[in-house]
């Protein structure tokens, strides 16, 4: 027969071992949860980055289109003073010729 003192030590060792095993299982479960949450968050972040990449591509395309339009308008504006000056000179010449004829 086992003395009473040894029985208490044995019971204490079993309780401590069970507690350590329970803590190890808890750590394993928490690690698994962390990995799952981390992977899910990374997938969401990748989706958000893809959305912003699409928005940036659309914005760049719009900027390119507007740049071309501005270049066309600037080209039109550059020729406008020449046309206006020519028309004005033609009208002045016409008025001068009319005045000379009077």
C-alpha atoms as a PDB file:
ATOM      1  CA  UNK A   1       0.000   0.000   0.000  1.00  0.00           C
ATOM      2  CA  UNK A   2       1.102   3.572  -0.889  1.00  0.00           C
ATOM      3  CA  UNK A   3       1.434   5.985   2.012  1.00  0.00           C
ATOM      4  CA  UNK A   4      -0.955   8.902   2.127  1.00  0.00           C
ATOM      5  CA  UNK A   5       1.822  11.452   1.490  1.00  0.00           C
ATOM      6  CA  UNK A   6       2.870   9.736  -1.763  1.00  0.00           C
ATOM      7  CA  UNK A   7      -0.735   9.624  -2.888  1.00  0.00           C
ATOM      8  CA  UNK A   8      -1.044  13.436  -2.451  1.00  0.00           C
ATOM      9  CA  UNK A   9       2.210  14.011  -4.381  1.00  0.00           C
ATOM     10  CA  UNK A  10       1.005  11.747  -7.163  1.00  0.00           C
ATOM     11  CA  UNK A  11      -2.339  13.551  -7.335  1.00  0.00           C
ATOM     12  CA  UNK A  12      -0.564  16.930  -7.360  1.00  0.00           C
ATOM     13  CA  UNK A  13       1.717  15.786 -10.207  1.00  0.00           C
ATOM     14  CA  UNK A  14      -1.291  14.634 -12.223  1.00  0.00           C
ATOM     15  CA  UNK A  15      -3.064  17.963 -11.682  1.00  0.00           C
ATOM     16  CA  UNK A  16       0.057  19.950 -12.646  1.00  0.00           C
ATOM     17  CA  UNK A  17       0.609  17.755 -15.714  1.00  0.00           C
ATOM     18  CA  UNK A  18      -3.021  18.163 -16.753  1.00  0.00           C
ATOM     19  CA  UNK A  19      -2.772  21.919 -16.295  1.00  0.00           C
ATOM     20  CA  UNK A  20       0.404  22.066 -18.406  1.00  0.00           C
ATOM     21  CA  UNK A  21      -1.255  19.934 -21.104  1.00  0.00           C
ATOM     22  CA  UNK A  22      -4.306  22.206 -21.088  1.00  0.00           C
ATOM     23  CA  UNK A  23      -2.109  25.309 -21.413  1.00  0.00           C
ATOM     24  CA  UNK A  24      -0.227  23.701 -24.336  1.00  0.00           C
ATOM     25  CA  UNK A  25      -3.513  22.924 -26.099  1.00  0.00           C
ATOM     26  CA  UNK A  26      -4.657  26.500 -25.494  1.00  0.00           C
ATOM     27  CA  UNK A  27      -1.434  27.842 -27.050  1.00  0.00           C
ATOM     28  CA  UNK A  28      -1.849  25.568 -30.075  1.00  0.00           C
ATOM     29  CA  UNK A  29      -5.462  26.689 -30.563  1.00  0.00           C
ATOM     30  CA  UNK A  30      -4.487  30.353 -30.262  1.00  0.00           C
ATOM     31  CA  UNK A  31      -1.680  29.866 -32.800  1.00  0.00           C
ATOM     32  CA  UNK A  32      -4.080  28.261 -35.270  1.00  0.00           C
ATOM     33  CA  UNK A  33      -6.575  31.108 -34.790  1.00  0.00           C
ATOM     34  CA  UNK A  34      -3.836  33.707 -35.308  1.00  0.00           C
ATOM     35  CA  UNK A  35      -2.684  32.067 -38.544  1.00  0.00           C
ATOM     36  CA  UNK A  36      -6.265  31.870 -39.853  1.00  0.00           C
ATOM     37  CA  UNK A  37      -7.008  35.512 -39.006  1.00  0.00           C
ATOM     38  CA  UNK A  38      -3.683  36.615 -40.466  1.00  0.00           C
ATOM     39  CA  UNK A  39      -4.330  34.784 -43.751  1.00  0.00           C
ATOM     40  CA  UNK A  40      -7.850  36.206 -43.962  1.00  0.00           C
ATOM     41  CA  UNK A  41      -6.563  39.729 -43.319  1.00  0.00           C
ATOM     42  CA  UNK A  42      -3.849  39.316 -45.950  1.00  0.00           C
ATOM     43  CA  UNK A  43      -6.444  38.173 -48.489  1.00  0.00           C
ATOM     44  CA  UNK A  44      -8.602  41.218 -47.726  1.00  0.00           C
ATOM     45  CA  UNK A  45      -5.599  43.527 -47.990  1.00  0.00           C
ATOM     46  CA  UNK A  46      -4.709  42.020 -51.374  1.00  0.00           C
ATOM     47  CA  UNK A  47      -8.286  42.624 -52.535  1.00  0.00           C
ATOM     48  CA  UNK A  48      -8.162  46.239 -51.374  1.00  0.00           C
ATOM     49  CA  UNK A  49      -4.820  46.769 -53.111  1.00  0.00           C
ATOM     50  CA  UNK A  50      -6.246  45.325 -56.333  1.00  0.00           C
ATOM     51  CA  UNK A  51      -9.248  47.673 -56.095  1.00  0.00           C
ATOM     52  CA  UNK A  52      -6.983  50.687 -55.601  1.00  0.00           C
ATOM     53  CA  UNK A  53      -4.774  49.516 -58.495  1.00  0.00           C
ATOM     54  CA  UNK A  54      -7.843  49.447 -60.757  1.00  0.00           C
ATOM     55  CA  UNK A  55      -8.879  52.923 -59.581  1.00  0.00           C
ATOM     56  CA  UNK A  56      -5.354  54.225 -60.219  1.00  0.00           C
ATOM     57  CA  UNK A  57      -5.344  52.708 -63.716  1.00  0.00           C
ATOM     58  CA  UNK A  58      -8.678  54.380 -64.519  1.00  0.00           C
ATOM     59  CA  UNK A  59      -7.366  57.675 -63.145  1.00  0.00           C
ATOM     60  CA  UNK A  60      -4.180  57.400 -65.214  1.00  0.00           C
ATOM     61  CA  UNK A  61      -6.207  56.684 -68.347  1.00  0.00           C
ATOM     62  CA  UNK A  62      -8.390  59.723 -67.666  1.00  0.00           C
ATOM     63  CA  UNK A  63      -5.327  61.906 -67.073  1.00  0.00           C
ATOM     64  CA  UNK A  64      -3.838  60.717 -70.353  1.00  0.00           C
ATOM     65  CA  UNK A  65      -7.065  61.469 -72.208  1.00  0.00           C
ATOM     66  CA  UNK A  66      -7.339  64.929 -70.647  1.00  0.00           C
ATOM     67  CA  UNK A  67      -3.683  65.637 -71.428  1.00  0.00           C
ATOM     68  CA  UNK A  68      -4.326  64.883 -75.096  1.00  0.00           C
ATOM     69  CA  UNK A  69      -7.391  67.154 -75.064  1.00  0.00           C
ATOM     70  CA  UNK A  70      -5.398  69.975 -73.453  1.00  0.00           C
ATOM     71  CA  UNK A  71      -2.641  69.569 -76.051  1.00  0.00           C
ATOM     72  CA  UNK A  72      -5.220  69.784 -78.856  1.00  0.00           C
ATOM     73  CA  UNK A  73      -6.827  72.879 -77.348  1.00  0.00           C
ATOM     74  CA  UNK A  74      -3.411  74.505 -76.868  1.00  0.00           C
ATOM     75  CA  UNK A  75      -2.610  73.822 -80.517  1.00  0.00           C
ATOM     76  CA  UNK A  76      -5.913  75.427 -81.524  1.00  0.00           C
ATOM     77  CA  UNK A  77      -5.255  78.397 -79.239  1.00  0.00           C
ATOM     78  CA  UNK A  78      -1.768  78.836 -80.717  1.00  0.00           C
ATOM     79  CA  UNK A  79      -3.181  79.213 -84.228  1.00  0.00           C
ATOM     80  CA  UNK A  80      -6.030  81.484 -83.094  1.00  0.00           C
ATOM     81  CA  UNK A  81      -3.957  84.711 -82.673  1.00  0.00           C
ATOM     82  CA  UNK A  82      -2.501  84.275 -86.173  1.00  0.00           C
ATOM     83  CA  UNK A  83      -5.970  83.883 -87.684  1.00  0.00           C
ATOM     84  CA  UNK A  84      -7.316  86.820 -85.699  1.00  0.00           C
ATOM     85  CA  UNK A  85      -4.384  89.015 -86.669  1.00  0.00           C
ATOM     86  CA  UNK A  86      -4.806  88.089 -90.334  1.00  0.00           C
ATOM     87  CA  UNK A  87      -8.537  88.827 -90.259  1.00  0.00           C
ATOM     88  CA  UNK A  88      -7.951  92.144 -88.507  1.00  0.00           C
ATOM     89  CA  UNK A  89      -5.272  93.143 -90.990  1.00  0.00           C
ATOM     90  CA  UNK A  90      -7.564  92.223 -93.890  1.00  0.00           C
ATOM     91  CA  UNK A  91     -10.393  94.350 -92.484  1.00  0.00           C
ATOM     92  CA  UNK A  92      -8.062  97.279 -91.825  1.00  0.00           C
ATOM     93  CA  UNK A  93      -6.771  97.058 -95.384  1.00  0.00           C
ATOM     94  CA  UNK A  94     -10.349  96.948 -96.672  1.00  0.00           C
ATOM     95  CA  UNK A  95     -11.328 100.033 -94.620  1.00  0.00           C
ATOM     96  CA  UNK A  96      -8.207 101.891 -95.749  1.00  0.00           C
ATOM     97  CA  UNK A  97      -8.957 101.080 -99.390  1.00  0.00           C
ATOM     98  CA  UNK A  98     -12.550 102.273 -98.935  1.00  0.00           C
ATOM     99  CA  UNK A  99     -11.332 105.500 -97.333  1.00  0.00           C
ATOM    100  CA  UNK A 100      -8.830 106.034-100.153  1.00  0.00           C
ATOM    101  CA  UNK A 101     -11.623 105.574-102.621  1.00  0.00           C
ATOM    102  CA  UNK A 102     -13.658 108.392-101.012  1.00  0.00           C
END
